[in-house]
Protein backbone atom coordinates (compact mmCIF):
# COMPACT_ATOMS: atom_id res chain seq x y z
CA MET A 1 127.04 209.85 34.40
CA SER A 2 130.38 211.40 35.37
CA THR A 3 132.83 210.18 37.92
CA SER A 4 135.14 212.22 40.07
CA PRO A 5 138.63 212.61 38.66
CA THR A 6 141.28 210.54 40.37
CA LEU A 7 144.99 210.95 40.89
CA ASP A 8 147.10 209.98 37.88
CA PRO A 9 147.84 206.22 38.18
CA GLU A 10 151.55 206.82 37.47
CA ILE A 11 151.73 209.09 40.52
CA THR A 12 149.63 206.68 42.59
CA ALA A 13 152.04 203.86 41.78
CA ARG A 14 155.05 205.89 42.97
CA LEU A 15 153.60 206.85 46.37
CA LYS A 16 154.49 204.87 49.48
CA ARG A 17 151.85 205.63 52.08
CA ASP A 18 151.80 204.94 55.81
CA ASP A 19 149.28 202.51 57.34
CA ALA A 20 146.61 205.25 57.24
CA GLY A 21 147.17 205.80 53.50
CA LEU A 22 148.98 209.10 54.02
CA VAL A 23 152.22 210.60 52.76
CA ALA A 24 154.13 213.44 54.47
CA ALA A 25 154.05 216.78 52.64
CA VAL A 26 156.81 219.24 53.55
CA VAL A 27 155.70 222.77 52.66
CA GLN A 28 158.36 225.29 51.66
CA GLN A 29 158.20 228.97 50.66
CA HIS A 30 159.11 228.90 46.97
CA ASP A 31 161.33 232.00 46.81
CA THR A 32 163.20 231.86 50.13
CA GLY A 33 163.47 228.13 50.76
CA GLU A 34 161.97 228.62 54.24
CA VAL A 35 160.39 225.39 55.53
CA LEU A 36 156.91 226.34 56.69
CA MET A 37 155.16 223.23 57.91
CA LEU A 38 154.49 219.53 57.54
CA GLY A 39 151.08 218.23 56.52
CA TRP A 40 149.61 214.91 55.46
CA MET A 41 148.03 213.98 52.13
CA ASP A 42 146.18 211.00 50.80
CA ASP A 43 145.62 210.49 47.08
CA GLU A 44 142.60 212.80 47.00
CA ALA A 45 144.34 215.63 48.88
CA LEU A 46 147.28 215.36 46.50
CA ARG A 47 144.96 215.34 43.47
CA ARG A 48 143.24 218.49 44.75
CA THR A 49 146.60 220.14 45.38
CA LEU A 50 147.90 219.28 41.91
CA THR A 51 144.77 220.45 40.11
CA SER A 52 143.49 223.47 42.06
CA GLY A 53 146.50 225.73 42.66
CA ARG A 54 145.88 225.62 46.43
CA VAL A 55 147.22 223.15 49.01
CA THR A 56 144.80 220.60 50.46
CA PHE A 57 145.69 218.33 53.38
CA TRP A 58 144.05 215.45 55.19
CA SER A 59 143.47 216.37 58.83
CA ARG A 60 144.35 213.39 60.98
CA SER A 61 142.72 214.94 64.05
CA ARG A 62 139.44 215.92 62.34
CA SER A 63 139.38 213.14 59.72
CA GLU A 64 138.51 215.55 56.93
CA TYR A 65 140.09 217.47 54.07
CA TRP A 66 141.12 221.06 54.68
CA ARG A 67 142.41 223.60 52.26
CA LYS A 68 145.01 225.78 53.91
CA GLY A 69 143.69 229.31 54.39
CA ASP A 70 139.97 228.77 53.86
CA THR A 71 139.14 229.83 57.42
CA SER A 72 142.28 231.76 58.41
CA GLY A 73 142.98 233.59 55.16
CA HIS A 74 146.57 232.31 55.33
CA ALA A 75 146.46 230.50 52.00
CA GLN A 76 149.16 228.50 50.27
CA TYR A 77 149.34 228.91 46.50
CA VAL A 78 151.07 225.96 44.83
CA GLN A 79 154.20 226.72 42.79
CA SER A 80 155.47 223.13 42.41
CA VAL A 81 155.16 219.66 43.91
CA ALA A 82 157.99 217.09 43.90
CA ILE A 83 158.06 213.50 45.09
CA ASP A 84 161.17 212.18 46.83
CA CYS A 85 163.23 209.25 45.54
CA ASP A 86 161.46 206.73 47.81
CA GLY A 87 157.95 208.03 47.15
CA ASP A 88 157.25 208.50 50.85
CA ALA A 89 157.42 212.29 51.02
CA LEU A 90 156.35 215.29 48.98
CA LEU A 91 157.91 218.73 48.73
CA VAL A 92 155.24 221.34 48.10
CA ARG A 93 156.68 224.73 47.16
CA VAL A 94 154.16 227.50 47.77
CA ASP A 95 153.56 231.22 47.87
CA GLN A 96 152.44 231.56 51.50
CA VAL A 97 150.01 234.35 52.38
CA GLY A 98 150.40 235.31 56.04
CA VAL A 99 151.52 232.76 58.59
CA ALA A 100 151.73 229.02 58.06
CA CYS A 101 151.35 227.83 61.66
CA HIS A 102 148.05 227.60 63.50
CA THR A 103 149.79 229.22 66.50
CA GLY A 104 150.25 232.46 64.54
CA ALA A 105 153.98 231.93 63.95
CA ARG A 106 155.38 232.32 60.44
CA THR A 107 156.45 228.66 60.40
CA CYS A 108 155.55 225.67 62.52
CA PHE A 109 159.27 225.23 63.17
CA ASP A 110 159.58 228.74 64.62
CA ALA A 111 156.69 227.90 66.94
CA GLY A 112 158.21 224.55 67.95
CA GLY A 113 161.68 225.93 68.57
CA LEU A 114 165.18 224.57 68.27
CA LEU A 115 166.35 221.48 70.12
CA PRO A 116 169.76 221.24 71.79
CA VAL A 117 172.19 219.65 69.36
CA VAL A 118 175.91 219.07 68.95
CA VAL A 119 176.83 220.99 65.80
CA GLY A 120 178.80 218.91 63.34
CA HIS A 121 181.54 220.19 61.07
CA ARG A 122 182.80 218.63 57.88
CA PRO A 123 186.42 217.59 57.99
CA THR A 124 189.00 219.84 56.41
CA ALA A 125 190.66 218.67 53.20
CA GLY A 126 193.13 215.87 53.83
CA ALA A 127 191.96 215.20 57.39
CA ALA A 128 190.95 211.64 58.22
CA SER A 129 187.30 211.22 59.13
CA THR A 130 185.97 208.36 61.24
CA PRO A 131 182.22 208.05 61.84
CA GLU A 132 181.20 207.95 65.50
CA GLY A 133 181.38 204.42 66.82
CA ALA A 134 183.61 203.22 63.97
CA SER A 135 187.21 202.15 64.47
């Protein structure tokens, strides 16, 4: 009798999941650094991603696993996966085939668009810097 493989306990211990048992997975094009999308993974989705060479997510809206590209052909081939210092986010570097966004845009952030923002600038050498609201 065989059992399904599970995620390495050392990795499991490092993950900090939300109340639904999920961790955010930022997906980035490995050679350009372009941020493509954000998905969600539970332990099983991460295990599949680490062991299959393709990215698997947990769909919060459909409550099921989905491997990016199985229906669209726009697959994500895993190049590396890193966990952040707090264990509450993953960086999945991929070789993206086609578009990453379900809208047909290259990235989900192209589809969403920029928000209005005040652009900050680092102080020049020797200039005093006071954080906003500080005195």
